[in-house]
Every structure is written in C-alpha cells, then in structure tokens.
Amino acid sequence: SEDESTAQSEYDNFMNESKEDKAVKEMDIDTYTGEQERNARKLHDAENELADEQAELDTALGYYEELKVECVKQPISYEERVAQRKEEVESLRQALQVLGGDSNILDSQGA
C-alpha cells in the first residue's frame, strides 16, 4: 500500500541520515581524541619545562643571596659610622705625626 511505501521511504531516509550523522560524529570523536592527546603531551612537556626553569631560577636566586651579602652594601648604624670616623681621624693623626706634622691641625679643622 501507499502508506506502507511512504513509511518505508521515510524510514530509509531517516536511517541514511542517521548513518551519515553517526559517521560525522565518529570522525569528530577521532579528531577531538587526537587533539586531546596532543594537548596532554604539550601540557606534560610544558610542566617539565616549568620544573626545569624553576629549579634553575631557585639556583640563581640562591647564588644571588650569597653574592648579595658580599656585594650589596648593607646599611651601617650611626654608632658604627661614628666609630669608623674616629678610626679614620686617629689614622690620619698617626700618619701626620709620622710625616712630622702637627696633629693639632686636624683638631682645628673641626674633625
């Protein structure tokens, strides 16, 4: 009958569309799975590179801290500066006496 043939035709069309849709979706799954695997590898590589760079940075910062103690001038307290100046003045007096000069010159200049 005509109803049966129409129904069969609709069914056949539906099945063909479903097969095509399924094939497209399976291709999408394959594509997305491949992308996911590539992205997972990229992430793993980036994490390894980050760990290596962090270790290198930590080493450099440790070395910097060692150098900072030796190379960066640390603030000197007022008392230490006064003591250094007294030592400098006393050294200058001794040098002046060795050279045969008058150590009172330093006193008269307000040192």
Foldseek 3Di string as FASTA:
>chain_A
DVVVVVVVVVVVVVVVVVVVVVVVVVVVVVVVVVVVVVVVVVVVVVVVVVVVVVVVVVVVVVVVVVVCVVPPDDDDDPVVVVVVVVVVLVVVLVVCVVVPHDSCVSVVVVD
